[in-house]
C-alpha cells in the first residue's frame, strides 16, 4: 500500500509524525507512511495543528483544506488535502532523490530533471530519424 492515494481532487496521506523536532520538514517514506517532523511539542493536539499549518504551506492550500481523518493525538495520522496546488518533493520521486542525495534546492532539482527529460526526449526523437527530410540549406 502506498503512503498516498487520490480520491478525485483530494489527496489522502498516511503520515508518521515526529513532534518536537529541530525543524519542520517532510522526510522520507517509511513503509506505507510519509515521515513529517514538526517543532511543536506533543501537547493537547498542538503538534498536529502545527503540522496541518506546515503542510498547508507545502501543498499550497489553506489550513482549512486539510482534514485530520485519524490520529489527531497519535504519531500515526491520516490526512485529506483538498485540491493541493503543488506537491512537495517527497511525492515527486526523481526530484526528491536529488534533493535528498545532493542537498540541492527543489528548484535546481526540478530544472535538472526537466532538462534531462528534454534531452532524453530529443535523443529518442532523433533516433527515429524524424528529421530525415529536413534540408536547411
Protein backbone atom coordinates (compact mmCIF):
# COMPACT_ATOMS: atom_id res chain seq x y z
CA UNK A 1 0.00 0.00 0.00
CA UNK A 2 1.33 3.45 -0.92
CA UNK A 3 1.57 6.32 1.56
CA UNK A 4 -0.82 8.37 -0.56
CA UNK A 5 -3.86 7.97 -2.76
CA UNK A 6 -6.14 10.25 -4.73
CA UNK A 7 -9.90 10.46 -4.29
CA UNK A 8 -10.90 12.80 -7.08
CA UNK A 9 -9.02 16.04 -6.39
CA UNK A 10 -8.39 15.12 -2.74
CA UNK A 11 -5.01 13.74 -1.72
CA UNK A 12 -5.14 11.21 1.13
CA UNK A 13 -1.87 10.86 3.06
CA UNK A 14 -0.67 8.38 5.65
CA UNK A 15 1.71 10.26 7.97
CA UNK A 16 4.24 9.21 10.58
CA UNK A 17 4.58 12.34 12.69
CA UNK A 18 7.62 13.34 14.72
CA UNK A 19 6.80 16.13 17.19
CA UNK A 20 9.47 18.17 18.97
CA UNK A 21 11.91 18.03 16.04
CA UNK A 22 14.62 20.62 15.40
CA UNK A 23 12.83 21.85 12.26
CA UNK A 24 9.63 21.38 10.30
CA UNK A 25 10.32 19.01 7.43
CA UNK A 26 8.85 16.41 5.14
CA UNK A 27 11.06 13.36 5.31
CA UNK A 28 11.36 10.08 3.50
CA UNK A 29 8.75 7.40 3.07
CA UNK A 30 8.82 4.74 5.79
CA UNK A 31 6.87 1.67 4.77
CA UNK A 32 3.44 3.00 3.88
CA UNK A 33 3.80 6.34 5.68
CA UNK A 34 5.39 9.68 4.86
CA UNK A 35 7.53 10.98 7.72
CA UNK A 36 6.73 14.56 8.74
CA UNK A 37 8.64 16.30 11.53
CA UNK A 38 7.40 19.40 13.34
CA UNK A 39 8.98 21.61 16.01
CA UNK A 40 5.87 21.80 18.19
CA UNK A 41 5.80 19.60 21.31
CA UNK A 42 3.09 16.90 21.51
CA UNK A 43 0.66 18.63 23.89
CA UNK A 44 -3.12 18.56 23.51
CA UNK A 45 -3.01 18.24 19.72
CA UNK A 46 -0.78 21.31 19.22
CA UNK A 47 1.76 19.32 17.21
CA UNK A 48 -0.99 18.11 14.88
CA UNK A 49 -2.32 21.65 14.45
CA UNK A 50 1.20 22.86 13.71
CA UNK A 51 1.68 20.01 11.21
CA UNK A 52 -1.54 20.98 9.42
CA UNK A 53 -0.36 24.61 9.11
CA UNK A 54 3.08 23.47 7.91
CA UNK A 55 1.65 21.04 5.35
CA UNK A 56 -0.83 23.68 4.13
CA UNK A 57 2.12 25.83 3.09
CA UNK A 58 3.91 22.89 1.48
CA UNK A 59 0.86 21.83 -0.55
CA UNK A 60 -0.30 25.36 -1.40
CA UNK A 61 -3.66 25.19 0.35
CA UNK A 62 -5.34 26.90 3.29
CA UNK A 63 -5.12 25.01 6.61
CA UNK A 64 -8.90 24.57 6.42
CA UNK A 65 -8.40 22.42 3.28
CA UNK A 66 -6.61 19.76 5.37
CA UNK A 67 -8.70 17.39 7.48
CA UNK A 68 -7.19 15.04 10.05
CA UNK A 69 -9.21 11.88 9.47
CA UNK A 70 -7.40 9.77 12.06
CA UNK A 71 -4.60 10.12 14.59
CA UNK A 72 -5.14 13.62 15.94
CA UNK A 73 -3.44 12.64 19.23
CA UNK A 74 -1.16 9.98 17.72
CA UNK A 75 2.02 9.92 15.62
CA UNK A 76 0.21 7.77 13.01
CA UNK A 77 -2.11 10.07 11.09
CA UNK A 78 -4.38 10.01 8.06
CA UNK A 79 -4.92 13.37 6.34
CA UNK A 80 -7.13 14.52 3.49
CA UNK A 81 -5.88 17.51 1.50
CA UNK A 82 -8.48 19.10 -0.76
CA UNK A 83 -7.16 20.19 -4.19
CA UNK A 84 -3.44 20.71 -3.47
CA UNK A 85 -1.89 23.26 -5.84
CA UNK A 86 1.63 21.87 -5.54
CA UNK A 87 3.26 18.65 -4.42
CA UNK A 88 6.34 18.61 -2.19
CA UNK A 89 9.46 16.75 -3.22
CA UNK A 90 8.51 13.66 -1.24
CA UNK A 91 5.84 12.89 -3.79
CA UNK A 92 7.98 13.61 -6.84
CA UNK A 93 10.49 10.73 -6.64
CA UNK A 94 13.23 11.94 -9.01
CA UNK A 95 13.24 15.46 -7.61
CA UNK A 96 13.05 14.09 -4.06
CA UNK A 97 16.05 11.87 -4.71
CA UNK A 98 18.10 14.81 -6.00
CA UNK A 99 17.09 16.97 -3.03
CA UNK A 100 17.86 14.21 -0.52
CA UNK A 101 21.03 12.80 -2.07
CA UNK A 102 22.70 16.01 -3.22
CA UNK A 103 21.14 18.59 -0.90
CA UNK A 104 20.03 20.65 -3.91
CA UNK A 105 17.25 23.20 -3.63
CA UNK A 106 13.96 21.97 -5.08
CA UNK A 107 14.07 24.49 -7.96
CA UNK A 108 17.51 23.29 -9.09
CA UNK A 109 16.47 19.63 -8.83
CA UNK A 110 13.35 20.35 -10.88
CA UNK A 111 15.35 22.18 -13.57
CA UNK A 112 17.89 19.37 -13.82
CA UNK A 113 15.07 16.83 -14.07
CA UNK A 114 13.25 18.80 -16.78
CA UNK A 115 16.50 19.27 -18.74
CA UNK A 116 17.35 15.57 -18.51
CA UNK A 117 13.87 14.54 -19.65
CA UNK A 118 14.06 17.01 -22.55
CA UNK A 119 17.49 15.72 -23.64
CA UNK A 120 16.33 12.10 -23.48
CA UNK A 121 13.24 13.05 -25.49
CA UNK A 122 15.29 14.79 -28.18
CA UNK A 123 17.70 11.86 -28.38
CA UNK A 124 14.76 9.49 -28.67
CA UNK A 125 13.16 11.59 -31.41
CA UNK A 126 16.42 11.77 -33.38
CA UNK A 127 16.93 8.02 -33.06
CA UNK A 128 13.80 7.56 -35.17
CA UNK A 129 15.33 9.78 -37.85
CA UNK A 130 12.37 12.17 -37.83
CA UNK A 131 14.47 14.91 -39.42
CA UNK A 132 15.49 12.85 -42.45
CA UNK A 133 13.52 15.09 -44.84
CA UNK A 134 14.79 18.39 -43.40
CA UNK A 135 17.41 20.09 -45.58
CA UNK A 136 18.20 23.51 -44.08
CA UNK A 137 20.45 24.71 -46.92
